[in-house]
Amino acid sequence: MPSIADTRADDYHAGARTPTEPEQRGRDIERQIRQAYQNIVERDGLNPQHALVNLADLRSHLNWDVNKAEVDAVLRQMDGPGVTLMPEARWWVRRESATQAGAVRVGNEDNHVIKIWGGPDR
């Protein structure tokens, strides 16, 4: 019977080491974020090439056991090639309490929307 370490190693390129629990948790949260983004795009009939998803809406689709700090940390790590976090352009939407509560601060700027290129498995 394979050990938990053997099973987890299958998720990693080299399989040379078993991920730590925080690494695995981060990967699980990222997977949830990507899937929630895809679900919202499909639900709202948005064009996947141009879809901007409100982070407050995205957060409402994540599992109940993830907290804001964990999600914020993963979003900051994801921000880069293939994922863009940005402020909401419409100031009146940005000032709504739910929109502001869902924002993630990167540097000295609150970001309220996300754009992900590619599917939920990238």
PDB file of N, CA and C in Angstrom:
ATOM      1  N   MET A   1       0.847  -1.175   0.000  1.00  0.00           N
ATOM      2  CA  MET A   1       0.000   0.000   0.000  1.00  0.00           C
ATOM      3  C   MET A   1       0.892   1.237   0.000  1.00  0.00           C
ATOM      4  N   PRO A   2       0.626   2.209  -0.934  1.00  0.00           N
ATOM      5  CA  PRO A   2       1.475   3.403  -0.971  1.00  0.00           C
ATOM      6  C   PRO A   2       1.251   4.290   0.241  1.00  0.00           C
ATOM      7  N   SER A   3       2.307   4.940   0.637  1.00  0.00           N
ATOM      8  CA  SER A   3       2.198   5.859   1.769  1.00  0.00           C
ATOM      9  C   SER A   3       1.627   7.189   1.298  1.00  0.00           C
ATOM     10  N   ILE A   4       1.237   8.033   2.251  1.00  0.00           N
ATOM     11  CA  ILE A   4       0.748   9.369   1.919  1.00  0.00           C
ATOM     12  C   ILE A   4       1.837  10.142   1.187  1.00  0.00           C
ATOM     13  N   ALA A   5       3.077   9.978   1.590  1.00  0.00           N
ATOM     14  CA  ALA A   5       4.188  10.670   0.948  1.00  0.00           C
ATOM     15  C   ALA A   5       4.282  10.286  -0.523  1.00  0.00           C
ATOM     16  N   ASP A   6       4.112   9.004  -0.837  1.00  0.00           N
ATOM     17  CA  ASP A   6       4.170   8.555  -2.230  1.00  0.00           C
ATOM     18  C   ASP A   6       3.040   9.166  -3.052  1.00  0.00           C
ATOM     19  N   THR A   7       1.857   9.225  -2.490  1.00  0.00           N
ATOM     20  CA  THR A   7       0.711   9.774  -3.197  1.00  0.00           C
ATOM     21  C   THR A   7       0.906  11.255  -3.467  1.00  0.00           C
ATOM     22  N   ARG A   8       1.347  12.007  -2.479  1.00  0.00           N
ATOM     23  CA  ARG A   8       1.549  13.447  -2.649  1.00  0.00           C
ATOM     24  C   ARG A   8       2.662  13.737  -3.646  1.00  0.00           C
ATOM     25  N   ALA A   9       3.690  12.929  -3.669  1.00  0.00           N
ATOM     26  CA  ALA A   9       4.808  13.165  -4.565  1.00  0.00           C
ATOM     27  C   ALA A   9       4.373  13.118  -6.028  1.00  0.00           C
ATOM     28  N   ASP A  10       3.315  12.382  -6.336  1.00  0.00           N
ATOM     29  CA  ASP A  10       2.812  12.314  -7.708  1.00  0.00           C
ATOM     30  C   ASP A  10       2.396  13.677  -8.224  1.00  0.00           C
ATOM     31  N   ASP A  11       2.023  14.603  -7.344  1.00  0.00           N
ATOM     32  CA  ASP A  11       1.601  15.938  -7.748  1.00  0.00           C
ATOM     33  C   ASP A  11       2.773  16.845  -8.124  1.00  0.00           C
ATOM     34  N   TYR A  12       3.961  16.427  -7.865  1.00  0.00           N
ATOM     35  CA  TYR A  12       5.122  17.267  -8.092  1.00  0.00           C
ATOM     36  C   TYR A  12       5.959  16.725  -9.238  1.00  0.00           C
ATOM     37  N   HIS A  13       6.591  17.645  -9.963  1.00  0.00           N
ATOM     38  CA  HIS A  13       7.310  17.301 -11.180  1.00  0.00           C
ATOM     39  C   HIS A  13       8.340  16.197 -10.963  1.00  0.00           C
ATOM     40  N   ALA A  14       9.257  16.400 -10.075  1.00  0.00           N
ATOM     41  CA  ALA A  14      10.318  15.431  -9.878  1.00  0.00           C
ATOM     42  C   ALA A  14       9.901  14.313  -8.940  1.00  0.00           C
ATOM     43  N   GLY A  15       8.969  14.588  -8.071  1.00  0.00           N
ATOM     44  CA  GLY A  15       8.557  13.583  -7.104  1.00  0.00           C
ATOM     45  C   GLY A  15       9.652  13.284  -6.096  1.00  0.00           C
ATOM     46  N   ALA A  16      10.667  14.146  -6.042  1.00  0.00           N
ATOM     47  CA  ALA A  16      11.818  13.885  -5.194  1.00  0.00           C
ATOM     48  C   ALA A  16      11.552  14.183  -3.731  1.00  0.00           C
ATOM     49  N   ARG A  17      10.556  14.989  -3.464  1.00  0.00           N
ATOM     50  CA  ARG A  17      10.284  15.308  -2.067  1.00  0.00           C
ATOM     51  C   ARG A  17       8.788  15.443  -1.864  1.00  0.00           C
ATOM     52  N   THR A  18       8.389  15.269  -0.645  1.00  0.00           N
ATOM     53  CA  THR A  18       6.987  15.417  -0.284  1.00  0.00           C
ATOM     54  C   THR A  18       6.759  16.871   0.109  1.00  0.00           C
ATOM     55  N   PRO A  19       5.699  17.500  -0.397  1.00  0.00           N
ATOM     56  CA  PRO A  19       5.463  18.900  -0.043  1.00  0.00           C
ATOM     57  C   PRO A  19       5.111  19.036   1.430  1.00  0.00           C
ATOM     58  N   THR A  20       5.435  20.178   1.976  1.00  0.00           N
ATOM     59  CA  THR A  20       5.034  20.437   3.350  1.00  0.00           C
ATOM     60  C   THR A  20       3.533  20.698   3.361  1.00  0.00           C
ATOM     61  N   GLU A  21       2.940  20.636   4.530  1.00  0.00           N
ATOM     62  CA  GLU A  21       1.506  20.899   4.639  1.00  0.00           C
ATOM     63  C   GLU A  21       1.128  22.303   4.144  1.00  0.00           C
ATOM     64  N   PRO A  22       1.899  23.364   4.509  1.00  0.00           N
ATOM     65  CA  PRO A  22       1.555  24.691   3.976  1.00  0.00           C
ATOM     66  C   PRO A  22       1.644  24.757   2.446  1.00  0.00           C
ATOM     67  N   GLU A  23       2.636  24.081   1.849  1.00  0.00           N
ATOM     68  CA  GLU A  23       2.736  24.061   0.381  1.00  0.00           C
ATOM     69  C   GLU A  23       1.510  23.408  -0.235  1.00  0.00           C
ATOM     70  N   GLN A  24       1.106  22.291   0.323  1.00  0.00           N
ATOM     71  CA  GLN A  24      -0.064  21.579  -0.199  1.00  0.00           C
ATOM     72  C   GLN A  24      -1.319  22.425  -0.012  1.00  0.00           C
ATOM     73  N   ARG A  25      -1.439  23.046   1.132  1.00  0.00           N
ATOM     74  CA  ARG A  25      -2.597  23.909   1.405  1.00  0.00           C
ATOM     75  C   ARG A  25      -2.647  25.054   0.395  1.00  0.00           C
ATOM     76  N   GLY A  26      -1.500  25.663   0.118  1.00  0.00           N
ATOM     77  CA  GLY A  26      -1.432  26.741  -0.862  1.00  0.00           C
ATOM     78  C   GLY A  26      -1.851  26.268  -2.248  1.00  0.00           C
ATOM     79  N   ARG A  27      -1.405  25.088  -2.630  1.00  0.00           N
ATOM     80  CA  ARG A  27      -1.786  24.518  -3.943  1.00  0.00           C
ATOM     81  C   ARG A  27      -3.284  24.253  -3.983  1.00  0.00           C
ATOM     82  N   ASP A  28      -3.842  23.757  -2.896  1.00  0.00           N
ATOM     83  CA  ASP A  28      -5.284  23.498  -2.841  1.00  0.00           C
ATOM     84  C   ASP A  28      -6.083  24.797  -2.953  1.00  0.00           C
ATOM     85  N   ILE A  29      -5.636  25.834  -2.270  1.00  0.00           N
ATOM     86  CA  ILE A  29      -6.325  27.122  -2.337  1.00  0.00           C
ATOM     87  C   ILE A  29      -6.218  27.700  -3.744  1.00  0.00           C
ATOM     88  N   GLU A  30      -5.052  27.608  -4.358  1.00  0.00           N
ATOM     89  CA  GLU A  30      -4.908  28.105  -5.735  1.00  0.00           C
ATOM     90  C   GLU A  30      -5.846  27.353  -6.675  1.00  0.00           C
ATOM     91  N   ARG A  31      -5.938  26.061  -6.504  1.00  0.00           N
ATOM     92  CA  ARG A  31      -6.849  25.255  -7.332  1.00  0.00           C
ATOM     93  C   ARG A  31      -8.298  25.723  -7.133  1.00  0.00           C
ATOM     94  N   GLN A  32      -8.673  25.999  -5.884  1.00  0.00           N
ATOM     95  CA  GLN A  32     -10.022  26.506  -5.600  1.00  0.00           C
ATOM     96  C   GLN A  32     -10.252  27.865  -6.267  1.00  0.00           C
ATOM     97  N   ILE A  33      -9.260  28.745  -6.195  1.00  0.00           N
ATOM     98  CA  ILE A  33      -9.378  30.077  -6.798  1.00  0.00           C
ATOM     99  C   ILE A  33      -9.583  29.952  -8.300  1.00  0.00           C
ATOM    100  N   ARG A  34      -8.775  29.135  -8.950  1.00  0.00           N
ATOM    101  CA  ARG A  34      -8.892  28.963 -10.400  1.00  0.00           C
ATOM    102  C   ARG A  34     -10.242  28.363 -10.782  1.00  0.00           C
ATOM    103  N   GLN A  35     -10.698  27.407 -10.007  1.00  0.00           N
ATOM    104  CA  GLN A  35     -11.988  26.787 -10.313  1.00  0.00           C
ATOM    105  C   GLN A  35     -13.142  27.766 -10.069  1.00  0.00           C
ATOM    106  N   ALA A  36     -13.075  28.517  -8.991  1.00  0.00           N
ATOM    107  CA  ALA A  36     -14.113  29.517  -8.705  1.00  0.00           C
ATOM    108  C   ALA A  36     -14.159  30.562  -9.813  1.00  0.00           C
ATOM    109  N   TYR A  37     -13.001  31.006 -10.266  1.00  0.00           N
ATOM    110  CA  TYR A  37     -12.934  31.979 -11.361  1.00  0.00           C
ATOM    111  C   TYR A  37     -13.637  31.421 -12.593  1.00  0.00           C
ATOM    112  N   GLN A  38     -13.295  30.192 -12.955  1.00  0.00           N
ATOM    113  CA  GLN A  38     -13.896  29.555 -14.124  1.00  0.00           C
ATOM    114  C   GLN A  38     -15.411  29.416 -13.962  1.00  0.00           C
ATOM    115  N   ASN A  39     -15.860  29.021 -12.790  1.00  0.00           N
ATOM    116  CA  ASN A  39     -17.296  28.870 -12.532  1.00  0.00           C
ATOM    117  C   ASN A  39     -18.030  30.202 -12.680  1.00  0.00           C
ATOM    118  N   ILE A  40     -17.439  31.278 -12.186  1.00  0.00           N
ATOM    119  CA  ILE A  40     -18.072  32.601 -12.284  1.00  0.00           C
ATOM    120  C   ILE A  40     -18.131  33.052 -13.738  1.00  0.00           C
ATOM    121  N   VAL A  41     -17.049  32.853 -14.476  1.00  0.00           N
ATOM    122  CA  VAL A  41     -17.024  33.224 -15.891  1.00  0.00           C
ATOM    123  C   VAL A  41     -18.127  32.488 -16.642  1.00  0.00           C
ATOM    124  N   GLU A  42     -18.249  31.189 -16.397  1.00  0.00           N
ATOM    125  CA  GLU A  42     -19.283  30.397 -17.070  1.00  0.00           C
ATOM    126  C   GLU A  42     -20.681  30.804 -16.602  1.00  0.00           C
ATOM    127  N   ARG A  43     -20.862  30.980 -15.311  1.00  0.00           N
ATOM    128  CA  ARG A  43     -22.168  31.366 -14.758  1.00  0.00           C
ATOM    129  C   ARG A  43     -22.665  32.677 -15.346  1.00  0.00           C
ATOM    130  N   ASP A  44     -21.767  33.645 -15.455  1.00  0.00           N
ATOM    131  CA  ASP A  44     -22.147  34.974 -15.920  1.00  0.00           C
ATOM    132  C   ASP A  44     -22.064  35.134 -17.434  1.00  0.00           C
ATOM    133  N   GLY A  45     -21.644  34.070 -18.135  1.00  0.00           N
ATOM    134  CA  GLY A  45     -21.547  34.129 -19.587  1.00  0.00           C
ATOM    135  C   GLY A  45     -20.520  35.139 -20.067  1.00  0.00           C
ATOM    136  N   LEU A  46     -19.431  35.286 -19.322  1.00  0.00           N
ATOM    137  CA  LEU A  46     -18.394  36.250 -19.674  1.00  0.00           C
ATOM    138  C   LEU A  46     -17.473  35.677 -20.748  1.00  0.00           C
ATOM    139  N   ASN A  47     -16.893  36.550 -21.530  1.00  0.00           N
ATOM    140  CA  ASN A  47     -15.908  36.140 -22.513  1.00  0.00           C
ATOM    141  C   ASN A  47     -14.621  35.798 -21.764  1.00  0.00           C
ATOM    142  N   PRO A  48     -14.168  34.548 -21.808  1.00  0.00           N
ATOM    143  CA  PRO A  48     -12.979  34.146 -21.042  1.00  0.00           C
ATOM    144  C   PRO A  48     -11.723  34.946 -21.385  1.00  0.00           C
ATOM    145  N   GLN A  49     -11.662  35.509 -22.587  1.00  0.00           N
ATOM    146  CA  GLN A  49     -10.495  36.288 -22.985  1.00  0.00           C
ATOM    147  C   GLN A  49     -10.425  37.649 -22.298  1.00  0.00           C
ATOM    148  N   HIS A  50     -11.579  38.144 -21.827  1.00  0.00           N
ATOM    149  CA  HIS A  50     -11.623  39.496 -21.268  1.00  0.00           C
ATOM    150  C   HIS A  50     -12.262  39.563 -19.885  1.00  0.00           C
ATOM    151  N   ALA A  51     -12.534  38.429 -19.270  1.00  0.00           N
ATOM    152  CA  ALA A  51     -13.295  38.399 -18.023  1.00  0.00           C
ATOM    153  C   ALA A  51     -12.492  38.932 -16.839  1.00  0.00           C
ATOM    154  N   LEU A  52     -13.087  39.899 -16.162  1.00  0.00           N
ATOM    155  CA  LEU A  52     -12.575  40.383 -14.886  1.00  0.00           C
ATOM    156  C   LEU A  52     -13.575  39.945 -13.828  1.00  0.00           C
ATOM    157  N   VAL A  53     -13.105  39.274 -12.800  1.00  0.00           N
ATOM    158  CA  VAL A  53     -13.978  38.755 -11.753  1.00  0.00           C
ATOM    159  C   VAL A  53     -13.694  39.497 -10.463  1.00  0.00           C
ATOM    160  N   ASN A  54     -14.752  39.955  -9.823  1.00  0.00           N
ATOM    161  CA  ASN A  54     -14.667  40.648  -8.549  1.00  0.00           C
ATOM    162  C   ASN A  54     -14.160  39.666  -7.484  1.00  0.00           C
ATOM    163  N   LEU A  55     -13.151  40.072  -6.729  1.00  0.00           N
ATOM    164  CA  LEU A  55     -12.580  39.174  -5.717  1.00  0.00           C
ATOM    165  C   LEU A  55     -13.567  38.833  -4.609  1.00  0.00           C
ATOM    166  N   ALA A  56     -14.466  39.754  -4.270  1.00  0.00           N
ATOM    167  CA  ALA A  56     -15.469  39.443  -3.248  1.00  0.00           C
ATOM    168  C   ALA A  56     -16.366  38.312  -3.729  1.00  0.00           C
ATOM    169  N   ASP A  57     -16.762  38.345  -4.994  1.00  0.00           N
ATOM    170  CA  ASP A  57     -17.575  37.280  -5.576  1.00  0.00           C
ATOM    171  C   ASP A  57     -16.783  35.975  -5.596  1.00  0.00           C
ATOM    172  N   LEU A  58     -15.533  36.047  -6.016  1.00  0.00           N
ATOM    173  CA  LEU A  58     -14.692  34.854  -6.071  1.00  0.00           C
ATOM    174  C   LEU A  58     -14.539  34.226  -4.687  1.00  0.00           C
ATOM    175  N   ARG A  59     -14.289  35.048  -3.681  1.00  0.00           N
ATOM    176  CA  ARG A  59     -14.113  34.527  -2.321  1.00  0.00           C
ATOM    177  C   ARG A  59     -15.352  33.780  -1.830  1.00  0.00           C
ATOM    178  N   SER A  60     -16.534  34.220  -2.268  1.00  0.00           N
ATOM    179  CA  SER A  60     -17.764  33.567  -1.817  1.00  0.00           C
ATOM    180  C   SER A  60     -17.916  32.159  -2.388  1.00  0.00           C
ATOM    181  N   HIS A  61     -17.100  31.798  -3.368  1.00  0.00           N
ATOM    182  CA  HIS A  61     -17.158  30.469  -3.975  1.00  0.00           C
ATOM    183  C   HIS A  61     -16.101  29.516  -3.421  1.00  0.00           C
ATOM    184  N   LEU A  62     -15.280  29.984  -2.488  1.00  0.00           N
ATOM    185  CA  LEU A  62     -14.222  29.147  -1.928  1.00  0.00           C
ATOM    186  C   LEU A  62     -14.762  28.337  -0.752  1.00  0.00           C
ATOM    187  N   ASN A  63     -14.063  27.271  -0.414  1.00  0.00           N
ATOM    188  CA  ASN A  63     -14.465  26.449   0.730  1.00  0.00           C
ATOM    189  C   ASN A  63     -14.497  27.280   1.999  1.00  0.00           C
ATOM    190  N   TRP A  64     -15.350  26.901   2.895  1.00  0.00           N
ATOM    191  CA  TRP A  64     -15.558  27.637   4.141  1.00  0.00           C
ATOM    192  C   TRP A  64     -14.328  27.636   5.037  1.00  0.00           C
ATOM    193  N   ASP A  65     -13.428  26.673   4.873  1.00  0.00           N
ATOM    194  CA  ASP A  65     -12.311  26.549   5.807  1.00  0.00           C
ATOM    195  C   ASP A  65     -11.070  27.351   5.414  1.00  0.00           C
ATOM    196  N   VAL A  66     -11.148  28.170   4.360  1.00  0.00           N
ATOM    197  CA  VAL A  66     -10.009  29.019   4.027  1.00  0.00           C
ATOM    198  C   VAL A  66     -10.284  30.426   4.530  1.00  0.00           C
ATOM    199  N   ASN A  67      -9.268  31.019   5.114  1.00  0.00           N
ATOM    200  CA  ASN A  67      -9.480  32.375   5.650  1.00  0.00           C
ATOM    201  C   ASN A  67      -8.894  33.417   4.710  1.00  0.00           C
ATOM    202  N   LYS A  68      -9.236  34.662   4.945  1.00  0.00           N
ATOM    203  CA  LYS A  68      -8.831  35.762   4.066  1.00  0.00           C
ATOM    204  C   LYS A  68      -7.312  35.868   3.955  1.00  0.00           C
ATOM    205  N   ALA A  69      -6.620  35.722   5.056  1.00  0.00           N
ATOM    206  CA  ALA A  69      -5.161  35.844   5.029  1.00  0.00           C
ATOM    207  C   ALA A  69      -4.532  34.770   4.139  1.00  0.00           C
ATOM    208  N   GLU A  70      -5.029  33.543   4.214  1.00  0.00           N
ATOM    209  CA  GLU A  70      -4.508  32.472   3.361  1.00  0.00           C
ATOM    210  C   GLU A  70      -4.769  32.773   1.886  1.00  0.00           C
ATOM    211  N   VAL A  71      -5.988  33.190   1.581  1.00  0.00           N
ATOM    212  CA  VAL A  71      -6.349  33.495   0.191  1.00  0.00           C
ATOM    213  C   VAL A  71      -5.527  34.669  -0.312  1.00  0.00           C
ATOM    214  N   ASP A  72      -5.373  35.706   0.507  1.00  0.00           N
ATOM    215  CA  ASP A  72      -4.568  36.867   0.119  1.00  0.00           C
ATOM    216  C   ASP A  72      -3.136  36.449  -0.220  1.00  0.00           C
ATOM    217  N   ALA A  73      -2.540  35.601   0.595  1.00  0.00           N
ATOM    218  CA  ALA A  73      -1.164  35.155   0.360  1.00  0.00           C
ATOM    219  C   ALA A  73      -1.061  34.394  -0.961  1.00  0.00           C
ATOM    220  N   VAL A  74      -2.015  33.528  -1.238  1.00  0.00           N
ATOM    221  CA  VAL A  74      -1.994  32.769  -2.487  1.00  0.00           C
ATOM    222  C   VAL A  74      -2.225  33.701  -3.680  1.00  0.00           C
ATOM    223  N   LEU A  75      -3.150  34.639  -3.557  1.00  0.00           N
ATOM    224  CA  LEU A  75      -3.390  35.587  -4.653  1.00  0.00           C
ATOM    225  C   LEU A  75      -2.130  36.386  -4.966  1.00  0.00           C
ATOM    226  N   ARG A  76      -1.407  36.812  -3.933  1.00  0.00           N
ATOM    227  CA  ARG A  76      -0.173  37.571  -4.156  1.00  0.00           C
ATOM    228  C   ARG A  76       0.864  36.713  -4.895  1.00  0.00           C
ATOM    229  N   GLN A  77       0.937  35.431  -4.539  1.00  0.00           N
ATOM    230  CA  GLN A  77       1.871  34.530  -5.215  1.00  0.00           C
ATOM    231  C   GLN A  77       1.454  34.290  -6.663  1.00  0.00           C
ATOM    232  N   MET A  78       0.150  34.223  -6.915  1.00  0.00           N
ATOM    233  CA  MET A  78      -0.350  33.968  -8.262  1.00  0.00           C
ATOM    234  C   MET A  78      -0.160  35.169  -9.180  1.00  0.00           C
ATOM    235  N   ASP A  79      -0.155  36.375  -8.629  1.00  0.00           N
ATOM    236  CA  ASP A  79      -0.076  37.603  -9.426  1.00  0.00           C
ATOM    237  C   ASP A  79       1.222  37.619 -10.212  1.00  0.00           C
ATOM    238  N   GLY A  80       1.105  37.544 -11.519  1.00  0.00           N
ATOM    239  CA  GLY A  80       2.269  37.494 -12.394  1.00  0.00           C
ATOM    240  C   GLY A  80       1.836  36.964 -13.749  1.00  0.00           C
ATOM    241  N   PRO A  81       2.724  36.285 -14.455  1.00  0.00           N
ATOM    242  CA  PRO A  81       2.351  35.758 -15.767  1.00  0.00           C
ATOM    243  C   PRO A  81       1.110  34.861 -15.691  1.00  0.00           C
ATOM    244  N   GLY A  82       0.089  35.217 -16.450  1.00  0.00           N
ATOM    245  CA  GLY A  82      -1.134  34.425 -16.494  1.00  0.00           C
ATOM    246  C   GLY A  82      -2.202  34.830 -15.501  1.00  0.00           C
ATOM    247  N   VAL A  83      -1.855  35.648 -14.527  1.00  0.00           N
ATOM    248  CA  VAL A  83      -2.818  36.105 -13.523  1.00  0.00           C
ATOM    249  C   VAL A  83      -2.545  37.575 -13.228  1.00  0.00           C
ATOM    250  N   THR A  84      -3.605  38.381 -13.313  1.00  0.00           N
ATOM    251  CA  THR A  84      -3.461  39.808 -13.029  1.00  0.00           C
ATOM    252  C   THR A  84      -4.476  40.225 -11.977  1.00  0.00           C
ATOM    253  N   LEU A  85      -3.982  40.861 -10.937  1.00  0.00           N
ATOM    254  CA  LEU A  85      -4.827  41.497  -9.932  1.00  0.00           C
ATOM    255  C   LEU A  85      -4.807  42.986 -10.221  1.00  0.00           C
ATOM    256  N   MET A  86      -5.970  43.634 -10.108  1.00  0.00           N
ATOM    257  CA  MET A  86      -6.010  45.071 -10.370  1.00  0.00           C
ATOM    258  C   MET A  86      -7.123  45.730  -9.587  1.00  0.00           C
ATOM    259  N   PRO A  87      -7.004  47.039  -9.399  1.00  0.00           N
ATOM    260  CA  PRO A  87      -8.071  47.772  -8.726  1.00  0.00           C
ATOM    261  C   PRO A  87      -9.313  47.835  -9.613  1.00  0.00           C
ATOM    262  N   GLU A  88     -10.448  47.919  -8.987  1.00  0.00           N
ATOM    263  CA  GLU A  88     -11.706  48.150  -9.710  1.00  0.00           C
ATOM    264  C   GLU A  88     -11.632  49.559 -10.286  1.00  0.00           C
ATOM    265  N   ALA A  89     -11.894  49.689 -11.584  1.00  0.00           N
ATOM    266  CA  ALA A  89     -11.777  50.986 -12.253  1.00  0.00           C
ATOM    267  C   ALA A  89     -12.898  51.950 -11.867  1.00  0.00           C
ATOM    268  N   ARG A  90     -14.064  51.420 -11.538  1.00  0.00           N
ATOM    269  CA  ARG A  90     -15.210  52.284 -11.213  1.00  0.00           C
ATOM    270  C   ARG A  90     -15.169  52.620  -9.719  1.00  0.00           C
ATOM    271  N   TRP A  91     -14.913  53.889  -9.397  1.00  0.00           N
ATOM    272  CA  TRP A  91     -14.725  54.296  -8.006  1.00  0.00           C
ATOM    273  C   TRP A  91     -15.947  53.999  -7.143  1.00  0.00           C
ATOM    274  N   TRP A  92     -17.152  54.100  -7.700  1.00  0.00           N
ATOM    275  CA  TRP A  92     -18.357  53.867  -6.898  1.00  0.00           C
ATOM    276  C   TRP A  92     -18.502  52.388  -6.540  1.00  0.00           C
ATOM    277  N   VAL A  93     -18.016  51.492  -7.380  1.00  0.00           N
ATOM    278  CA  VAL A  93     -18.030  50.063  -7.053  1.00  0.00           C
ATOM    279  C   VAL A  93     -16.936  49.769  -6.032  1.00  0.00           C
ATOM    280  N   ARG A  94     -15.788  50.405  -6.216  1.00  0.00           N
ATOM    281  CA  ARG A  94     -14.648  50.210  -5.317  1.00  0.00           C
ATOM    282  C   ARG A  94     -15.002  50.581  -3.887  1.00  0.00           C
ATOM    283  N   ARG A  95     -15.911  51.535  -3.711  1.00  0.00           N
ATOM    284  CA  ARG A  95     -16.269  52.007  -2.371  1.00  0.00           C
ATOM    285  C   ARG A  95     -17.317  51.149  -1.686  1.00  0.00           C
ATOM    286  N   GLU A  96     -17.931  50.205  -2.396  1.00  0.00           N
ATOM    287  CA  GLU A  96     -18.919  49.315  -1.765  1.00  0.00           C
ATOM    288  C   GLU A  96     -18.204  48.463  -0.723  1.00  0.00           C
ATOM    289  N   SER A  97     -18.852  48.258   0.400  1.00  0.00           N
ATOM    290  CA  SER A  97     -18.200  47.549   1.497  1.00  0.00           C
ATOM    291  C   SER A  97     -17.808  46.129   1.123  1.00  0.00           C
ATOM    292  N   ALA A  98     -18.654  45.409   0.402  1.00  0.00           N
ATOM    293  CA  ALA A  98     -18.327  44.028   0.016  1.00  0.00           C
ATOM    294  C   ALA A  98     -17.134  44.001  -0.926  1.00  0.00           C
ATOM    295  N   THR A  99     -17.101  44.928  -1.861  1.00  0.00           N
ATOM    296  CA  THR A  99     -15.974  44.992  -2.804  1.00  0.00           C
ATOM    297  C   THR A  99     -14.688  45.304  -2.063  1.00  0.00           C
ATOM    298  N   GLN A 100     -14.734  46.252  -1.158  1.00  0.00           N
ATOM    299  CA  GLN A 100     -13.540  46.618  -0.399  1.00  0.00           C
ATOM    300  C   GLN A 100     -13.109  45.481   0.524  1.00  0.00           C
ATOM    301  N   ALA A 101     -14.061  44.797   1.127  1.00  0.00           N
ATOM    302  CA  ALA A 101     -13.729  43.677   2.021  1.00  0.00           C
ATOM    303  C   ALA A 101     -13.070  42.530   1.268  1.00  0.00           C
ATOM    304  N   GLY A 102     -13.411  42.357   0.004  1.00  0.00           N
ATOM    305  CA  GLY A 102     -12.838  41.281  -0.799  1.00  0.00           C
ATOM    306  C   GLY A 102     -11.492  41.609  -1.408  1.00  0.00           C
ATOM    307  N   ALA A 103     -11.074  42.867  -1.311  1.00  0.00           N
ATOM    308  CA  ALA A 103      -9.826  43.300  -1.945  1.00  0.00           C
ATOM    309  C   ALA A 103      -8.610  42.660  -1.293  1.00  0.00           C
ATOM    310  N   VAL A 104      -7.565  42.543  -2.082  1.00  0.00           N
ATOM    311  CA  VAL A 104      -6.271  42.096  -1.570  1.00  0.00           C
ATOM    312  C   VAL A 104      -5.289  43.236  -1.797  1.00  0.00           C
ATOM    313  N   ARG A 105      -4.519  43.538  -0.785  1.00  0.00           N
ATOM    314  CA  ARG A 105      -3.552  44.630  -0.877  1.00  0.00           C
ATOM    315  C   ARG A 105      -2.239  44.071  -1.403  1.00  0.00           C
ATOM    316  N   VAL A 106      -1.763  44.662  -2.496  1.00  0.00           N
ATOM    317  CA  VAL A 106      -0.472  44.297  -3.069  1.00  0.00           C
ATOM    318  C   VAL A 106       0.343  45.581  -3.140  1.00  0.00           C
ATOM    319  N   GLY A 107       1.444  45.603  -2.423  1.00  0.00           N
ATOM    320  CA  GLY A 107       2.207  46.842  -2.315  1.00  0.00           C
ATOM    321  C   GLY A 107       1.382  47.859  -1.561  1.00  0.00           C
ATOM    322  N   ASN A 108       1.160  49.012  -2.160  1.00  0.00           N
ATOM    323  CA  ASN A 108       0.365  50.045  -1.501  1.00  0.00           C
ATOM    324  C   ASN A 108      -0.982  50.242  -2.188  1.00  0.00           C
ATOM    325  N   GLU A 109      -1.480  49.194  -2.869  1.00  0.00           N
ATOM    326  CA  GLU A 109      -2.700  49.328  -3.649  1.00  0.00           C
ATOM    327  C   GLU A 109      -3.673  48.183  -3.364  1.00  0.00           C
ATOM    328  N   ASP A 110      -4.936  48.531  -3.150  1.00  0.00           N
ATOM    329  CA  ASP A 110      -5.978  47.518  -3.010  1.00  0.00           C
ATOM    330  C   ASP A 110      -6.400  47.053  -4.396  1.00  0.00           C
ATOM    331  N   ASN A 111      -6.459  45.745  -4.571  1.00  0.00           N
ATOM    332  CA  ASN A 111      -6.876  45.149  -5.839  1.00  0.00           C
ATOM    333  C   ASN A 111      -8.201  44.446  -5.614  1.00  0.00           C
ATOM    334  N   HIS A 112      -9.154  44.700  -6.507  1.00  0.00           N
ATOM    335  CA  HIS A 112     -10.523  44.237  -6.321  1.00  0.00           C
ATOM    336  C   HIS A 112     -10.970  43.208  -7.339  1.00  0.00           C
ATOM    337  N   VAL A 113     -10.242  43.094  -8.452  1.00  0.00           N
ATOM    338  CA  VAL A 113     -10.627  42.169  -9.520  1.00  0.00           C
ATOM    339  C   VAL A 113      -9.433  41.331  -9.941  1.00  0.00           C
ATOM    340  N   ILE A 114      -9.740  40.188 -10.566  1.00  0.00           N
ATOM    341  CA  ILE A 114      -8.714  39.262 -11.031  1.00  0.00           C
ATOM    342  C   ILE A 114      -9.037  38.847 -12.452  1.00  0.00           C
ATOM    343  N   LYS A 115      -7.981  38.641 -13.238  1.00  0.00           N
ATOM    344  CA  LYS A 115      -8.090  38.083 -14.573  1.00  0.00           C
ATOM    345  C   LYS A 115      -7.125  36.913 -14.634  1.00  0.00           C
ATOM    346  N   ILE A 116      -7.631  35.743 -15.025  1.00  0.00           N
ATOM    347  CA  ILE A 116      -6.791  34.549 -15.160  1.00  0.00           C
ATOM    348  C   ILE A 116      -6.859  34.081 -16.600  1.00  0.00           C
ATOM    349  N   TRP A 117      -5.697  33.959 -17.223  1.00  0.00           N
ATOM    350  CA  TRP A 117      -5.618  33.384 -18.563  1.00  0.00           C
ATOM    351  C   TRP A 117      -5.394  31.902 -18.409  1.00  0.00           C
ATOM    352  N   GLY A 118      -6.071  31.106 -19.188  1.00  0.00           N
ATOM    353  CA  GLY A 118      -5.956  29.655 -19.103  1.00  0.00           C
ATOM    354  C   GLY A 118      -7.024  29.073 -18.223  1.00  0.00           C
ATOM    355  N   GLY A 119      -7.071  27.771 -18.153  1.00  0.00           N
ATOM    356  CA  GLY A 119      -8.127  27.078 -17.427  1.00  0.00           C
ATOM    357  C   GLY A 119      -7.825  26.892 -15.958  1.00  0.00           C
ATOM    358  N   PRO A 120      -8.690  26.171 -15.267  1.00  0.00           N
ATOM    359  CA  PRO A 120      -8.534  25.977 -13.825  1.00  0.00           C
ATOM    360  C   PRO A 120      -7.359  25.097 -13.435  1.00  0.00           C
ATOM    361  N   ASP A 121      -6.784  24.377 -14.389  1.00  0.00           N
ATOM    362  CA  ASP A 121      -5.711  23.429 -14.064  1.00  0.00           C
ATOM    363  C   ASP A 121      -4.315  23.979 -14.277  1.00  0.00           C
ATOM    364  N   ARG A 122      -4.178  25.204 -14.720  1.00  0.00           N
ATOM    365  CA  ARG A 122      -2.847  25.755 -15.020  1.00  0.00           C
ATOM    366  C   ARG A 122      -2.080  26.085 -13.790  1.00  0.00           C
TER     367      ARG A 122
END
